[in-house]
Amino acid sequence: MNDIIETIKQVAFEIDNAIKTADLGYSDSENSSGEDQLKLDVQSDLIIEKAFATVSSVKDLVSEEKEGVLSLNPNGKYTICYDPLDGSSLVDVNLSVGSIFGIYEGELKGENLVASAYVVYGPRIELVIADKNSAPKLYRVVGDAFKYISEIKMDEKGKLNASGGTQQNWCDYHKTFIDDLFQEGYRLRYSGGMVPDLHQIMLKGGGLFSYPGTSDKPNGKLRQLFEVIPFALMYEQAGGEAINHKGLRLLELVPSHPHDTSPCFFGSHYEINALRKAYGMS
């Protein structure tokens, strides 16, 4: 596993350099979801693919930017599912973006996620790593290397509310739930980038990140293997919760396709319990 973490650190520096120097225009291709790809998306994907090609413990790669599975080492133990540059459309306005990595052993489903990591490219480069045995660990680039900073622990109740999805397409009970949180004094913190928004909520002690099913996207927008499940491990290990619209733990999801999506809710215990009540969950 250490070789995988060291490779993630390596690609973080390369992607950060690409963010600062590369062409921000669109390529001539689409990703697996039919979305136009930025040249920076493609470049970040190639950086990760090239770096992991020589890591013997990695059997396969599954990228948010490609269909199918890329086989690397038949004797490898792990499959890495990754989003090379989440929120890449925010780069041209100089907002924080990130990379997400889910490390799976065996069949690609939530219970087989053994570790996850994400990188935040902002005013500083930060890396968070989680496994099933400890709280997420925060590292920050100091000089030319990542330095361990601290473990991350969430409070029972937070103050931040990051609510995704087009509001006109929310169902009535979700809108009422979000409005109620604001009536309680929650502050809106939503950049449109999953990595920086979830990172902020964890580091600030708690709150809620929600991306519900909507009338135009009933299964949500965020992808299970690349985004939803890796962050679910982060939140549970930090002392929070991560569930879908039916109350199922996101770590229990079993995707039928590598690019399956899911409604998702990440937060402290208080907010998730309030969500359960608002959604009529048992």
Foldseek 3Di string as FASTA:
>chain_A
DVLVVVLVQVLLVVLLVCLVDPDQAWDPDAFPVRHTHTPSQVVLVVSSCVSCLPVQQEQWEAERRYFDIHGRHPPHFWYKYKRRWFPSVCSVVQAKIKIKIFIAGPAQALLRGAKIKMWINHPWIKIWIFGPPAAIWIWTDDPHGTDTDGGWAADQEAQEEAEDDDVVFDDPLVVVLVVVSVVVRHDYDYDNGLVVVLVVQRRRRKDKHWFAQGPVRNFTDDFLRHRQSNVQRNQVNNQAAKAFLQRHGSSRGRDPGRGGGHTMMITHNVSVVSSCVSSVHD
